[in-house]
Amino acid sequence: MELLHTDTLAEAREKLRRETENFILRTKKVVSRDALGCICARDIFAEENIPSFRRSIVDGYAVIARDSYGAGESMPAFYEVTGKVNIEEPAVQKVRTGEAVFLQTGSMVPEGANAVLMIEYTQNYAPGKMAGYRPVSEGENIIQIGEDVSMGECIISRGEKIGPEVIGKFAALGIREVEVFEPMKVTVISTGDELADIDEPLSGSKIRDINSYALAAQAKSIGMEILYQIRQKDCEEDIEKTLRDVIDESDLILMSGGSSKGSKDYTKKVLEAVTGNVFTHGISIKPGKPTILAYDRVKNTVIAGLPGHPMAAVMMFRLIIGDWYFSKAGIRPPLPYFAVMGENVSSNQGRETCLLVRLVRGEKDYTAMPVYAKSGSISALGKADGYVMIPRNKEGLKKGERVLAEVFL
């Protein structure tokens, strides 16, 4: 009857956070050009402006905007060309009323000028003389100091994935190294006498081991590193030995199978023996009720005993471990979508229900179409865009009811 005393999903998440308050994600410094795809470990602020000078974005002439007002094809404005600023040079001269200085794209805009007239709208009609055939407004064709990135601006926050555009900012700001999170080291243990490896022929009631591959892929998809991927027979002593062999090296151990109350379900007993700290055994959710959570305070290792059914195992990884890791690293999950239910859906009262859905875009709203599957299914996850949580005290969802759909990464 032990599984009748279950935690809610919120309670299980809170217990995991509380138990692992002293668990610190390791960080390392990497060269900026090698940081693509890494998770930033601290906020990084610009220590200079980009650009650090007023810069022209076109080939043309630096002028005072009011000198161009009223200019047109039939009545141009006339300027005295007093100099030229090449792209690599500082602008030393000052522009006064009626004067113009030629600039290349990227050149520094001289003091006094507040606009750049594109060369396409000009004509040199005599040495040192230029006619402009259109007006320009103040600031036109100029990037102001700090307009791209201003000093003190946060260019990337802790928990954000470093993308190509951020690497470009690092280069522009002269940031050679950045601090990123080291990938958590993960061991995946899939238990069951019936399991065969991916390349083994099947016989009798043997099935191929889905969970170790699916869970390893899930962990890698959020930036974790797989140390070991182990298939283990249903033997209590062997499972305990395997766990003790890998716990020193692992930050996270994912065990699938053996977490319910069957005669060969040893996970809770083994975790008690190894860690002495099993704090959740059973979560009132469908699918995923027989989920076990433990934490070895000495080794600083989180252990999750996940259901043997593939869909349930993967969903509980996302709902429990993914949520915990995102919180630890400061990663923001994808924003949910508001949608309307496309069908009536009944629910199991007393347990939250995680309903897989496919999102169909309409003219005004997204429609959430249920993806029906039993927890032993793996193909259903590939058909779903995300899920809708049905509260434990609700009988179900009605067609047309507005819901919040959490989307997968």
Protein backbone atom coordinates (compact mmCIF):
# COMPACT_ATOMS: atom_id res chain seq x y z
CA MET A 1 0.00 0.00 0.00
CA GLU A 2 3.05 2.25 0.08
CA LEU A 3 2.35 3.77 -3.31
CA LEU A 4 -0.96 5.14 -2.04
CA HIS A 5 1.04 7.68 -0.04
CA THR A 6 2.30 9.65 -2.99
CA ASP A 7 3.55 13.20 -3.55
CA THR A 8 1.98 15.61 -5.96
CA LEU A 9 4.20 16.72 -8.83
CA ALA A 10 4.70 20.08 -7.10
CA GLU A 11 5.63 18.37 -3.83
CA ALA A 12 8.13 16.07 -5.53
CA ARG A 13 9.77 18.99 -7.32
CA GLU A 14 10.00 20.99 -4.09
CA LYS A 15 11.46 18.05 -2.18
CA LEU A 16 14.13 17.58 -4.85
CA ARG A 17 15.04 21.26 -4.75
CA ARG A 18 15.17 21.27 -0.95
CA GLU A 19 17.25 18.09 -0.71
CA THR A 20 19.78 19.39 -3.27
CA GLU A 21 20.20 22.95 -1.98
CA ASN A 22 23.94 22.32 -1.58
CA PHE A 23 24.33 20.70 -5.00
CA ILE A 24 26.43 23.10 -7.08
CA LEU A 25 26.77 22.80 -10.83
CA ARG A 26 30.42 22.87 -11.84
CA THR A 27 31.66 25.57 -14.19
CA LYS A 28 34.66 26.05 -16.44
CA LYS A 29 36.14 28.76 -18.64
CA VAL A 30 36.26 28.23 -22.38
CA VAL A 31 37.67 30.26 -25.25
CA SER A 32 34.85 32.36 -26.70
CA ARG A 33 35.05 30.85 -30.17
CA ASP A 34 34.54 27.38 -28.62
CA ALA A 35 31.55 28.39 -26.47
CA LEU A 36 28.85 27.75 -29.09
CA GLY A 37 26.00 25.72 -27.59
CA CYS A 38 27.31 25.99 -24.02
CA ILE A 39 25.13 27.28 -21.17
CA CYS A 40 26.39 30.57 -19.78
CA ALA A 41 27.19 30.30 -16.05
CA ARG A 42 27.03 33.99 -15.14
CA ASP A 43 25.66 37.25 -16.46
CA ILE A 44 28.13 38.95 -18.82
CA PHE A 45 28.09 42.72 -19.15
CA ALA A 46 29.58 44.93 -21.84
CA GLU A 47 32.58 46.91 -20.61
CA GLU A 48 32.60 49.23 -23.61
CA ASN A 49 30.22 50.70 -26.17
CA ILE A 50 29.56 49.24 -29.61
CA PRO A 51 30.28 51.25 -31.60
CA SER A 52 32.68 53.33 -29.52
CA PHE A 53 32.37 56.19 -32.04
CA ARG A 54 29.65 57.55 -34.33
CA ARG A 55 29.85 55.45 -37.47
CA SER A 56 28.46 55.92 -40.97
CA ILE A 57 26.42 53.03 -42.36
CA VAL A 58 26.71 54.22 -45.99
CA ASP A 59 29.19 55.76 -48.43
CA GLY A 60 28.36 59.45 -48.53
CA TYR A 61 28.96 62.87 -47.00
CA ALA A 62 28.83 63.91 -43.36
CA VAL A 63 26.70 67.08 -43.21
CA ILE A 64 24.60 69.16 -40.86
CA ALA A 65 21.03 68.03 -41.41
CA ARG A 66 19.44 71.49 -41.44
CA ASP A 67 21.67 72.47 -44.39
CA SER A 68 19.81 69.87 -46.49
CA TYR A 69 16.24 70.91 -45.68
CA GLY A 70 14.26 71.72 -48.83
CA ALA A 71 16.77 70.09 -51.18
CA GLY A 72 15.40 68.28 -54.22
CA GLU A 73 16.07 67.44 -57.87
CA SER A 74 15.17 70.91 -59.08
CA MET A 75 16.76 72.82 -56.17
CA PRO A 76 19.78 71.05 -54.66
CA ALA A 77 21.66 72.11 -51.54
CA PHE A 78 25.27 73.12 -52.18
CA TYR A 79 28.23 72.12 -50.00
CA GLU A 80 31.94 72.73 -49.78
CA VAL A 81 33.79 69.42 -49.49
CA THR A 82 36.45 69.96 -46.83
CA GLY A 83 37.94 66.49 -46.45
CA LYS A 84 37.66 62.73 -46.41
CA VAL A 85 37.71 60.12 -43.61
CA ASN A 86 38.85 56.65 -44.62
CA ILE A 87 37.41 53.69 -42.74
CA GLU A 88 40.55 53.10 -40.67
CA GLU A 89 41.22 56.74 -39.78
CA PRO A 90 40.09 59.00 -36.92
CA ALA A 91 37.97 62.00 -37.89
CA VAL A 92 40.04 65.03 -36.91
CA GLN A 93 38.26 67.85 -38.79
CA LYS A 94 35.01 69.50 -37.74
CA VAL A 95 32.02 70.02 -40.04
CA ARG A 96 30.56 73.52 -40.10
CA THR A 97 27.49 74.96 -41.80
CA GLY A 98 27.65 74.49 -45.60
CA GLU A 99 30.47 71.94 -45.35
CA ALA A 100 30.61 68.22 -46.12
CA VAL A 101 33.20 65.50 -45.47
CA PHE A 102 33.31 62.33 -47.57
CA LEU A 103 32.93 59.04 -45.61
CA GLN A 104 33.15 55.37 -46.42
CA THR A 105 30.76 52.84 -44.91
CA GLY A 106 32.06 52.34 -41.38
CA SER A 107 33.99 55.63 -41.23
CA MET A 108 33.97 57.76 -38.09
CA VAL A 109 31.55 60.70 -38.37
CA PRO A 110 33.36 64.00 -37.72
CA GLU A 111 32.38 66.37 -34.95
CA GLY A 112 29.68 68.85 -35.94
CA ALA A 113 27.99 66.58 -38.50
CA ASN A 114 24.71 64.97 -37.47
CA ALA A 115 23.69 63.11 -40.65
CA VAL A 116 25.19 61.35 -43.66
CA LEU A 117 23.89 62.04 -47.17
CA MET A 118 24.18 58.94 -49.39
CA ILE A 119 26.53 59.34 -52.32
CA GLU A 120 23.72 58.28 -54.69
CA TYR A 121 21.98 61.63 -54.02
CA THR A 122 25.05 63.82 -54.62
CA GLN A 123 27.04 65.19 -57.53
CA ASN A 124 30.48 66.81 -57.60
CA TYR A 125 30.06 69.72 -59.97
CA ALA A 126 33.48 71.36 -59.41
CA PRO A 127 36.67 70.64 -57.44
CA GLY A 128 35.72 70.74 -53.74
CA LYS A 129 32.07 71.44 -54.56
CA MET A 130 29.11 69.06 -54.12
CA ALA A 131 25.37 69.31 -54.73
CA GLY A 132 22.93 67.27 -52.62
CA TYR A 133 19.57 66.35 -54.17
CA ARG A 134 17.56 65.25 -51.13
CA PRO A 135 17.13 66.25 -47.48
CA VAL A 136 18.38 64.13 -44.57
CA SER A 137 17.09 64.07 -41.03
CA GLU A 138 19.21 64.35 -37.90
CA GLY A 139 20.88 61.00 -37.15
CA GLU A 140 20.13 59.56 -40.59
CA ASN A 141 22.63 56.90 -41.74
CA ILE A 142 24.60 57.11 -38.48
CA ILE A 143 24.98 54.47 -35.78
CA GLN A 144 25.36 56.38 -32.54
CA ILE A 145 27.84 55.53 -29.79
CA GLY A 146 26.55 52.51 -27.88
CA GLU A 147 23.51 52.12 -30.15
CA ASP A 148 24.36 48.49 -30.89
CA VAL A 149 25.60 47.56 -27.40
CA SER A 150 25.89 50.08 -24.57
CA MET A 151 28.42 49.92 -21.78
CA GLY A 152 26.96 48.06 -18.78
CA GLU A 153 24.37 46.22 -20.86
CA CYS A 154 23.90 42.52 -20.10
CA ILE A 155 24.76 40.77 -23.36
CA ILE A 156 23.89 37.27 -22.11
CA SER A 157 22.33 36.07 -18.88
CA ARG A 158 23.13 33.07 -16.73
CA GLY A 159 21.29 30.04 -18.06
CA GLU A 160 21.15 31.17 -21.68
CA LYS A 161 22.57 29.01 -24.44
CA ILE A 162 25.41 30.73 -26.28
CA GLY A 163 24.47 31.13 -29.94
CA PRO A 164 26.37 32.43 -32.99
CA GLU A 165 25.12 36.00 -32.51
CA VAL A 166 26.48 36.06 -28.95
CA ILE A 167 29.88 34.79 -30.13
CA GLY A 168 29.85 37.80 -32.46
CA LYS A 169 29.20 40.10 -29.49
CA PHE A 170 32.07 38.52 -27.59
CA ALA A 171 34.37 39.25 -30.54
CA ALA A 172 33.13 42.84 -30.84
CA LEU A 173 33.72 43.44 -27.13
CA GLY A 174 37.09 41.71 -26.96
CA ILE A 175 35.84 38.98 -24.58
CA ARG A 176 38.31 36.13 -24.98
CA GLU A 177 36.96 33.67 -22.38
CA VAL A 178 33.56 32.95 -20.87
CA GLU A 179 32.42 30.90 -17.90
CA VAL A 180 30.02 28.09 -18.78
CA PHE A 181 28.45 25.16 -16.97
CA GLU A 182 30.22 21.84 -17.25
CA PRO A 183 27.87 19.14 -18.49
CA MET A 184 26.43 17.04 -15.68
CA LYS A 185 27.79 13.49 -15.75
CA VAL A 186 24.96 10.99 -16.12
CA THR A 187 24.68 7.22 -15.82
CA VAL A 188 21.62 5.47 -17.25
CA ILE A 189 20.72 2.04 -15.88
CA SER A 190 17.87 0.12 -17.51
CA THR A 191 16.72 -2.92 -15.52
CA GLY A 192 14.79 -5.99 -16.62
CA ASP A 193 15.36 -9.66 -17.49
CA GLU A 194 13.34 -9.14 -20.67
CA LEU A 195 15.65 -6.51 -22.16
CA ALA A 196 17.82 -7.07 -25.21
CA ASP A 197 20.30 -4.60 -26.65
CA ILE A 198 19.64 -2.71 -29.86
CA ASP A 199 21.51 -5.18 -32.09
CA GLU A 200 20.41 -8.43 -30.40
CA PRO A 201 17.90 -10.79 -32.03
CA LEU A 202 14.64 -11.15 -30.13
CA SER A 203 13.34 -14.44 -28.77
CA GLY A 204 10.42 -15.40 -26.57
CA SER A 205 9.12 -12.33 -24.71
CA LYS A 206 12.33 -10.36 -25.09
CA ILE A 207 12.03 -6.67 -26.04
CA ARG A 208 14.72 -4.23 -27.04
CA ASP A 209 15.96 -1.80 -24.43
CA ILE A 210 14.29 1.49 -25.35
CA ASN A 211 14.72 3.36 -22.08
CA SER A 212 18.49 3.55 -21.80
CA TYR A 213 18.70 5.01 -25.32
CA ALA A 214 15.73 7.36 -24.93
CA LEU A 215 16.78 8.63 -21.49
CA ALA A 216 20.40 9.09 -22.56
CA ALA A 217 19.20 11.09 -25.56
CA GLN A 218 16.93 13.20 -23.33
CA ALA A 219 19.82 13.98 -20.99
CA LYS A 220 22.14 14.87 -23.88
CA SER A 221 19.46 17.09 -25.44
CA ILE A 222 19.63 19.46 -22.44
CA GLY A 223 23.42 19.54 -22.32
CA MET A 224 24.32 16.60 -20.09
CA GLU A 225 27.12 14.10 -20.70
CA ILE A 226 26.51 10.34 -20.64
CA LEU A 227 29.15 8.41 -18.70
CA TYR A 228 27.61 4.94 -18.79
CA GLN A 229 24.60 3.36 -20.43
CA ILE A 230 23.98 0.05 -18.65
CA ARG A 231 21.48 -2.76 -19.09
CA GLN A 232 21.00 -4.74 -15.87
CA LYS A 233 19.24 -8.02 -15.03
CA ASP A 234 16.59 -8.08 -12.31
CA CYS A 235 18.94 -9.10 -9.51
CA GLU A 236 18.93 -7.01 -6.33
CA GLU A 237 22.59 -7.67 -5.49
CA ASP A 238 23.78 -6.91 -9.02
CA ILE A 239 21.73 -3.73 -9.23
CA GLU A 240 23.17 -2.53 -5.91
CA LYS A 241 26.73 -3.36 -7.01
CA THR A 242 26.25 -1.51 -10.30
CA LEU A 243 24.91 1.52 -8.47
CA ARG A 244 27.84 1.57 -6.03
CA ASP A 245 30.30 1.19 -8.93
CA VAL A 246 29.07 4.31 -10.76
CA ILE A 247 27.87 6.63 -8.00
CA ASP A 248 31.28 8.23 -7.33
CA GLU A 249 31.62 9.42 -10.91
CA SER A 250 28.01 10.38 -11.56
CA ASP A 251 26.17 13.62 -10.80
CA LEU A 252 22.90 12.03 -11.87
CA ILE A 253 21.82 8.41 -12.14
CA LEU A 254 18.69 7.50 -14.09
CA MET A 255 17.29 4.05 -13.33
CA SER A 256 14.33 2.75 -15.27
CA GLY A 257 12.18 -0.20 -14.27
CA GLY A 258 11.86 -1.83 -10.89
CA SER A 259 10.24 1.17 -9.21
CA SER A 260 6.70 -0.12 -8.59
CA LYS A 261 5.63 -2.91 -6.20
CA GLY A 262 6.18 -6.07 -8.22
CA SER A 263 8.14 -9.05 -6.92
CA LYS A 264 11.25 -7.97 -8.87
CA ASP A 265 11.01 -4.25 -8.19
CA TYR A 266 14.12 -3.64 -6.11
CA THR A 267 14.88 -0.01 -6.87
CA LYS A 268 13.60 1.56 -3.64
CA LYS A 269 15.29 -1.05 -1.46
CA VAL A 270 18.59 -0.63 -3.30
CA LEU A 271 18.44 3.17 -3.14
CA GLU A 272 17.77 3.04 0.59
CA ALA A 273 20.77 0.77 1.06
CA VAL A 274 23.10 2.92 -1.07
CA THR A 275 21.98 6.45 -0.17
CA GLY A 276 19.86 6.16 2.96
CA ASN A 277 17.84 9.04 1.59
CA VAL A 278 14.82 8.12 -0.53
CA PHE A 279 12.47 11.10 -0.14
CA THR A 280 9.84 10.38 -2.80
CA HIS A 281 8.32 7.01 -3.69
CA GLY A 282 5.37 7.57 -5.92
CA ILE A 283 3.96 10.68 -7.56
CA SER A 284 0.24 11.19 -8.08
CA ILE A 285 0.49 11.68 -11.81
CA LYS A 286 -0.47 9.75 -14.92
CA PRO A 287 1.71 8.48 -16.48
CA GLY A 288 4.61 8.11 -14.05
CA LYS A 289 3.18 7.18 -10.66
CA PRO A 290 5.94 4.72 -9.65
CA THR A 291 8.73 7.32 -9.65
CA ILE A 292 11.38 7.28 -6.92
CA LEU A 293 13.72 10.14 -6.00
CA ALA A 294 16.83 9.86 -3.84
CA TYR A 295 19.88 11.97 -3.08
CA ASP A 296 23.26 10.84 -1.78
CA ARG A 297 24.41 13.79 0.32
CA VAL A 298 27.96 12.45 0.63
CA LYS A 299 28.51 11.78 -3.08
CA ASN A 300 26.31 14.71 -4.19
CA THR A 301 24.49 12.42 -6.59
CA VAL A 302 20.84 12.66 -7.59
CA ILE A 303 19.15 9.36 -8.39
CA ALA A 304 15.81 8.99 -10.13
CA GLY A 305 14.04 5.65 -10.30
CA LEU A 306 11.82 6.07 -13.33
CA PRO A 307 8.98 3.86 -14.60
CA GLY A 308 9.78 1.00 -16.95
CA HIS A 309 7.28 2.13 -19.57
CA PRO A 310 9.16 4.29 -22.11
CA MET A 311 6.67 7.16 -22.45
CA ALA A 312 6.27 7.41 -18.68
CA ALA A 313 10.04 7.30 -18.12
CA VAL A 314 10.76 10.06 -20.65
CA MET A 315 7.91 12.28 -19.43
CA MET A 316 8.99 11.98 -15.79
CA PHE A 317 12.54 12.86 -16.80
CA ARG A 318 11.21 16.02 -18.43
CA LEU A 319 8.80 16.90 -15.61
CA ILE A 320 11.13 16.18 -12.69
CA ILE A 321 14.79 16.08 -13.71
CA GLY A 322 14.52 18.59 -16.56
CA ASP A 323 12.61 21.01 -14.35
CA TRP A 324 15.20 20.62 -11.56
CA TYR A 325 18.19 21.11 -13.87
CA PHE A 326 16.66 24.16 -15.54
CA SER A 327 16.09 25.69 -12.11
CA LYS A 328 19.66 24.96 -10.99
CA ALA A 329 21.22 26.42 -14.13
CA GLY A 330 18.80 29.34 -14.50
CA ILE A 331 17.59 28.05 -17.87
CA ARG A 332 14.25 29.42 -18.99
CA PRO A 333 11.97 26.72 -20.39
CA PRO A 334 10.15 27.37 -23.67
CA LEU A 335 7.17 29.67 -23.33
CA PRO A 336 3.87 27.77 -23.28
CA TYR A 337 1.15 28.22 -25.89
CA PHE A 338 -2.44 29.12 -25.20
CA ALA A 339 -4.68 26.74 -27.12
CA VAL A 340 -8.22 25.40 -27.19
CA MET A 341 -8.98 21.72 -26.79
CA GLY A 342 -9.96 19.97 -29.99
CA GLU A 343 -11.80 17.12 -28.23
CA ASN A 344 -13.40 16.19 -24.92
CA VAL A 345 -10.90 14.38 -22.69
CA SER A 346 -11.67 12.50 -19.49
CA SER A 347 -9.21 12.34 -16.61
CA ASN A 348 -8.36 10.13 -13.65
CA GLN A 349 -9.44 12.15 -10.61
CA GLY A 350 -7.03 11.97 -7.71
CA ARG A 351 -3.99 12.16 -9.99
CA GLU A 352 -2.72 14.89 -12.26
CA THR A 353 -2.81 13.79 -15.88
CA CYS A 354 -0.09 14.72 -18.33
CA LEU A 355 -1.93 14.72 -21.66
CA LEU A 356 0.25 14.67 -24.77
CA VAL A 357 -1.05 17.04 -27.45
CA ARG A 358 -0.35 18.02 -31.03
CA LEU A 359 -0.75 21.74 -31.70
CA VAL A 360 -2.64 22.68 -34.85
CA ARG A 361 -2.44 26.31 -35.89
CA GLY A 362 -5.73 27.98 -36.83
CA GLU A 363 -6.65 31.48 -37.96
CA LYS A 364 -7.08 32.76 -34.40
CA ASP A 365 -5.89 30.07 -31.97
CA TYR A 366 -3.89 26.93 -31.69
CA THR A 367 -5.95 23.77 -31.23
CA ALA A 368 -4.62 21.12 -28.86
CA MET A 369 -5.38 17.69 -30.27
CA PRO A 370 -4.87 14.81 -27.81
CA VAL A 371 -2.27 12.19 -28.69
CA TYR A 372 -3.64 9.02 -27.14
CA ALA A 373 -1.17 6.35 -26.11
CA LYS A 374 -0.46 3.97 -23.28
CA SER A 375 2.59 4.55 -21.12
CA GLY A 376 4.40 1.68 -22.83
CA SER A 377 4.39 3.60 -26.10
CA ILE A 378 7.42 5.44 -27.43
CA SER A 379 6.04 6.57 -30.81
CA ALA A 380 3.47 8.91 -29.20
CA LEU A 381 6.21 11.28 -28.02
CA GLY A 382 7.28 11.81 -31.61
CA LYS A 383 3.74 12.77 -32.59
CA ALA A 384 3.29 15.33 -29.79
CA ASP A 385 4.41 18.96 -29.67
CA GLY A 386 3.94 19.17 -25.91
CA TYR A 387 1.51 18.43 -23.15
CA VAL A 388 -1.37 19.83 -21.12
CA MET A 389 -1.57 19.18 -17.38
CA ILE A 390 -5.05 18.25 -16.13
CA PRO A 391 -5.37 19.02 -12.39
CA ARG A 392 -6.00 16.09 -10.03
CA ASN A 393 -9.40 17.44 -8.93
CA LYS A 394 -10.73 17.88 -12.47
CA GLU A 395 -12.80 15.31 -14.34
CA GLY A 396 -11.32 16.23 -17.69
CA LEU A 397 -11.24 18.90 -20.39
CA LYS A 398 -14.04 19.98 -22.69
CA LYS A 399 -13.81 20.62 -26.40
CA GLY A 400 -13.21 24.35 -26.92
CA GLU A 401 -11.84 24.84 -23.39
CA ARG A 402 -8.85 27.17 -23.25
CA VAL A 403 -5.69 25.44 -21.97
CA LEU A 404 -1.99 26.12 -21.53
CA ALA A 405 0.18 23.76 -23.59
CA GLU A 406 3.78 23.29 -22.46
CA VAL A 407 5.97 22.64 -25.48
CA PHE A 408 8.96 20.35 -25.75
CA LEU A 409 12.44 21.72 -26.40
